[in-house]
Amino acid sequence: MAVSSANILERLDQEDKEKVSYFIRLLLNKSKYQLLKKELAERRKEVQTGETLSHEDLWKQMNV
């Protein structure tokens, strides 16, 4: 279904794409997605301040 949905979205005109985008934003503002939204905001801050682990750092922490 996801592949066909993506194909449909690509074929919509700009006005209809904006309507779909608006609907998605409404869904994401629901309470069940608030935790995810908060986590994404925190991760973005970490990326902007350079507080991320490299692949090598991750393996070192795991003692592999």
N, C-alpha and C. Protein backbone atom coordinates (compact mmCIF):
# COMPACT_ATOMS: atom_id res chain seq x y z
N MET A 1 0.82 -1.20 0.00
CA MET A 1 0.00 0.00 0.00
C MET A 1 0.86 1.25 0.00
N ALA A 2 1.99 1.23 0.72
CA ALA A 2 2.83 2.43 0.83
C ALA A 2 3.39 2.84 -0.53
N VAL A 3 3.77 1.88 -1.33
CA VAL A 3 4.31 2.21 -2.65
C VAL A 3 3.25 2.86 -3.51
N SER A 4 2.07 2.32 -3.52
CA SER A 4 1.01 2.90 -4.33
C SER A 4 0.60 4.26 -3.78
N SER A 5 0.63 4.44 -2.46
CA SER A 5 0.31 5.74 -1.87
C SER A 5 1.32 6.79 -2.28
N ALA A 6 2.59 6.40 -2.31
CA ALA A 6 3.64 7.34 -2.73
C ALA A 6 3.44 7.74 -4.18
N ASN A 7 3.08 6.79 -5.02
CA ASN A 7 2.83 7.10 -6.42
C ASN A 7 1.66 8.06 -6.59
N ILE A 8 0.65 7.86 -5.79
CA ILE A 8 -0.52 8.74 -5.85
C ILE A 8 -0.13 10.15 -5.43
N LEU A 9 0.61 10.26 -4.34
CA LEU A 9 1.01 11.58 -3.85
C LEU A 9 1.84 12.34 -4.88
N GLU A 10 2.69 11.64 -5.60
CA GLU A 10 3.52 12.29 -6.62
C GLU A 10 2.66 12.88 -7.74
N ARG A 11 1.54 12.29 -8.01
CA ARG A 11 0.69 12.72 -9.13
C ARG A 11 -0.31 13.81 -8.77
N LEU A 12 -0.43 14.12 -7.49
CA LEU A 12 -1.38 15.16 -7.08
C LEU A 12 -0.88 16.54 -7.48
N ASP A 13 -1.82 17.44 -7.73
CA ASP A 13 -1.40 18.81 -7.99
C ASP A 13 -1.01 19.47 -6.67
N GLN A 14 -0.37 20.63 -6.72
CA GLN A 14 0.19 21.27 -5.54
C GLN A 14 -0.88 21.56 -4.47
N GLU A 15 -2.03 22.00 -4.87
CA GLU A 15 -3.09 22.31 -3.91
C GLU A 15 -3.49 21.07 -3.12
N ASP A 16 -3.63 19.95 -3.81
CA ASP A 16 -4.01 18.71 -3.12
C ASP A 16 -2.88 18.18 -2.25
N LYS A 17 -1.64 18.36 -2.68
CA LYS A 17 -0.50 17.96 -1.84
C LYS A 17 -0.50 18.75 -0.54
N GLU A 18 -0.84 20.03 -0.62
CA GLU A 18 -0.91 20.86 0.58
C GLU A 18 -2.01 20.40 1.52
N LYS A 19 -3.13 19.95 0.96
CA LYS A 19 -4.22 19.43 1.78
C LYS A 19 -3.79 18.16 2.51
N VAL A 20 -3.10 17.27 1.82
CA VAL A 20 -2.62 16.04 2.43
C VAL A 20 -1.61 16.38 3.52
N SER A 21 -0.73 17.31 3.24
CA SER A 21 0.27 17.73 4.22
C SER A 21 -0.40 18.30 5.46
N TYR A 22 -1.43 19.10 5.29
CA TYR A 22 -2.18 19.67 6.41
C TYR A 22 -2.79 18.56 7.26
N PHE A 23 -3.38 17.57 6.62
CA PHE A 23 -4.00 16.46 7.33
C PHE A 23 -2.95 15.68 8.13
N ILE A 24 -1.80 15.47 7.55
CA ILE A 24 -0.73 14.75 8.26
C ILE A 24 -0.29 15.54 9.49
N ARG A 25 -0.17 16.87 9.35
CA ARG A 25 0.20 17.70 10.50
C ARG A 25 -0.85 17.60 11.61
N LEU A 26 -2.12 17.55 11.24
CA LEU A 26 -3.18 17.39 12.25
C LEU A 26 -3.02 16.07 13.00
N LEU A 27 -2.72 15.01 12.27
CA LEU A 27 -2.53 13.71 12.92
C LEU A 27 -1.33 13.72 13.86
N LEU A 28 -0.24 14.34 13.42
CA LEU A 28 0.96 14.35 14.24
C LEU A 28 0.80 15.19 15.50
N ASN A 29 -0.14 16.11 15.49
CA ASN A 29 -0.39 16.93 16.67
C ASN A 29 -1.26 16.22 17.70
N LYS A 30 -1.77 15.06 17.37
CA LYS A 30 -2.57 14.29 18.33
C LYS A 30 -1.66 13.85 19.48
N SER A 31 -2.26 13.64 20.62
CA SER A 31 -1.49 13.32 21.83
C SER A 31 -0.66 12.06 21.70
N LYS A 32 -1.13 11.08 20.96
CA LYS A 32 -0.36 9.83 20.88
C LYS A 32 0.95 10.01 20.12
N TYR A 33 1.12 11.11 19.39
CA TYR A 33 2.36 11.37 18.68
C TYR A 33 3.22 12.43 19.36
N GLN A 34 2.75 12.98 20.48
CA GLN A 34 3.50 14.04 21.15
C GLN A 34 4.85 13.55 21.67
N LEU A 35 4.92 12.34 22.19
CA LEU A 35 6.19 11.81 22.68
C LEU A 35 7.19 11.70 21.53
N LEU A 36 6.73 11.20 20.40
CA LEU A 36 7.60 11.09 19.23
C LEU A 36 8.06 12.47 18.77
N LYS A 37 7.15 13.42 18.75
CA LYS A 37 7.48 14.78 18.34
C LYS A 37 8.53 15.38 19.27
N LYS A 38 8.38 15.15 20.58
CA LYS A 38 9.33 15.67 21.56
C LYS A 38 10.71 15.03 21.36
N GLU A 39 10.73 13.72 21.16
CA GLU A 39 12.00 13.03 20.96
C GLU A 39 12.70 13.52 19.69
N LEU A 40 11.95 13.72 18.63
CA LEU A 40 12.55 14.23 17.40
C LEU A 40 13.14 15.61 17.61
N ALA A 41 12.47 16.47 18.35
CA ALA A 41 12.97 17.80 18.63
C ALA A 41 14.27 17.73 19.43
N GLU A 42 14.32 16.83 20.41
CA GLU A 42 15.53 16.67 21.21
C GLU A 42 16.69 16.15 20.35
N ARG A 43 16.40 15.21 19.48
CA ARG A 43 17.44 14.66 18.62
C ARG A 43 17.98 15.72 17.66
N ARG A 44 17.09 16.58 17.15
CA ARG A 44 17.53 17.66 16.26
C ARG A 44 18.49 18.59 16.98
N LYS A 45 18.19 18.90 18.25
CA LYS A 45 19.08 19.75 19.05
C LYS A 45 20.44 19.09 19.22
N GLU A 46 20.44 17.79 19.49
CA GLU A 46 21.70 17.06 19.66
C GLU A 46 22.53 17.11 18.37
N VAL A 47 21.88 16.95 17.25
CA VAL A 47 22.59 16.97 15.97
C VAL A 47 23.16 18.36 15.72
N GLN A 48 22.40 19.39 16.01
CA GLN A 48 22.86 20.76 15.79
C GLN A 48 24.04 21.12 16.67
N THR A 49 24.08 20.59 17.89
CA THR A 49 25.18 20.89 18.80
C THR A 49 26.32 19.89 18.70
N GLY A 50 26.19 18.92 17.82
CA GLY A 50 27.26 17.94 17.61
C GLY A 50 27.32 16.87 18.69
N GLU A 51 26.26 16.65 19.42
CA GLU A 51 26.23 15.66 20.49
C GLU A 51 25.78 14.30 19.98
N THR A 52 26.35 13.85 18.91
CA THR A 52 25.98 12.56 18.34
C THR A 52 27.18 11.63 18.38
N LEU A 53 26.90 10.36 18.35
CA LEU A 53 27.96 9.36 18.34
C LEU A 53 28.29 8.96 16.91
N SER A 54 29.56 8.75 16.68
CA SER A 54 29.96 8.21 15.37
C SER A 54 29.79 6.70 15.44
N HIS A 55 29.89 6.07 14.31
CA HIS A 55 29.77 4.61 14.24
C HIS A 55 30.86 3.99 15.11
N GLU A 56 32.05 4.52 15.03
CA GLU A 56 33.18 4.01 15.80
C GLU A 56 32.95 4.18 17.30
N ASP A 57 32.43 5.34 17.71
CA ASP A 57 32.13 5.58 19.12
C ASP A 57 31.12 4.57 19.65
N LEU A 58 30.13 4.28 18.87
CA LEU A 58 29.11 3.32 19.27
C LEU A 58 29.72 1.95 19.53
N TRP A 59 30.58 1.49 18.63
CA TRP A 59 31.20 0.18 18.79
C TRP A 59 32.13 0.16 20.02
N LYS A 60 32.80 1.27 20.28
CA LYS A 60 33.67 1.35 21.47
C LYS A 60 32.84 1.23 22.74
N GLN A 61 31.69 1.91 22.77
CA GLN A 61 30.83 1.84 23.95
C GLN A 61 30.30 0.44 24.19
N MET A 62 30.10 -0.30 23.12
CA MET A 62 29.56 -1.65 23.24
C MET A 62 30.65 -2.67 23.55
N ASN A 63 31.92 -2.21 23.54
CA ASN A 63 33.07 -3.11 23.79
C ASN A 63 33.09 -4.29 22.84
N VAL A 64 32.89 -4.01 21.58
CA VAL A 64 32.88 -5.08 20.57
C VAL A 64 34.20 -5.09 19.85
